[in-house]
Amino acid sequence: MSSNKIPICPLMSAGNEINIVCVQENCAWYMKNYKTCAVYLLGHNALLDIKEKQTKTPQ
């Protein structure tokens, strides 16, 4: 994530018309070591898993 973008909370923003700003270290889902939200990491890891499975399927 570039430093000039305001981080948006994926959990609080879901289903809302207005994006909610991430509270970072004040949130239980914030991963301090990665400086990002655990929900983003879960999504990223799921995408990598899907891509790996797609490359293993015979065509």
Protein backbone atom coordinates (compact mmCIF):
# COMPACT_ATOMS: atom_id res chain seq x y z
CA MET A 1 0.00 0.00 0.00
CA SER A 2 1.46 3.33 -0.93
CA SER A 3 1.83 5.92 1.80
CA ASN A 4 -0.31 8.52 -0.01
CA LYS A 5 -3.47 6.38 0.09
CA ILE A 6 -5.83 6.37 3.04
CA PRO A 7 -6.30 2.77 4.25
CA ILE A 8 -9.92 1.60 4.16
CA CYS A 9 -11.35 -0.98 6.57
CA PRO A 10 -12.76 -3.87 4.52
CA LEU A 11 -14.92 -5.13 7.40
CA MET A 12 -16.51 -1.86 8.45
CA SER A 13 -16.90 -0.67 4.85
CA ALA A 14 -18.67 -3.81 3.61
CA GLY A 15 -22.28 -3.01 2.77
CA ASN A 16 -21.89 0.73 3.46
CA GLU A 17 -22.10 3.48 0.90
CA ILE A 18 -19.29 5.31 2.69
CA ASN A 19 -15.83 3.80 3.16
CA ILE A 20 -14.64 3.62 6.76
CA VAL A 21 -11.03 4.55 7.46
CA CYS A 22 -8.83 1.85 9.00
CA VAL A 23 -7.95 2.52 12.64
CA GLN A 24 -4.78 0.45 12.19
CA GLU A 25 -3.17 -0.41 15.55
CA ASN A 26 -6.46 0.22 17.37
CA CYS A 27 -8.05 -2.72 15.51
CA ALA A 28 -7.83 -6.40 16.47
CA TRP A 29 -7.51 -7.34 12.76
CA TYR A 30 -4.50 -5.09 12.14
CA MET A 31 -1.21 -6.95 11.69
CA LYS A 32 1.54 -4.68 13.04
CA ASN A 33 4.36 -6.75 11.54
CA TYR A 34 2.89 -6.44 8.03
CA LYS A 35 1.37 -2.97 8.53
CA THR A 36 -1.88 -4.13 6.96
CA CYS A 37 -5.23 -5.71 7.75
CA ALA A 38 -5.49 -9.46 8.37
CA VAL A 39 -8.53 -9.54 6.06
CA TYR A 40 -6.37 -8.32 3.17
CA LEU A 41 -3.79 -10.99 3.99
CA LEU A 42 -6.47 -13.69 4.07
CA GLY A 43 -7.75 -12.56 0.67
CA HIS A 44 -4.25 -12.39 -0.79
CA ASN A 45 -3.36 -15.86 0.47
CA ALA A 46 -6.64 -17.27 -0.88
CA LEU A 47 -5.88 -15.78 -4.29
CA LEU A 48 -2.42 -17.34 -4.30
CA ASP A 49 -3.94 -20.69 -3.34
CA ILE A 50 -6.47 -20.47 -6.18
CA LYS A 51 -3.76 -19.58 -8.70
CA GLU A 52 -1.64 -22.52 -7.53
CA LYS A 53 -4.57 -24.93 -7.88
CA GLN A 54 -5.37 -23.59 -11.37
CA THR A 55 -1.84 -24.26 -12.57
CA LYS A 56 -1.98 -27.85 -11.28
CA THR A 57 -5.21 -28.81 -13.08
CA PRO A 58 -4.70 -30.68 -16.36
CA GLN A 59 -5.89 -28.84 -19.43
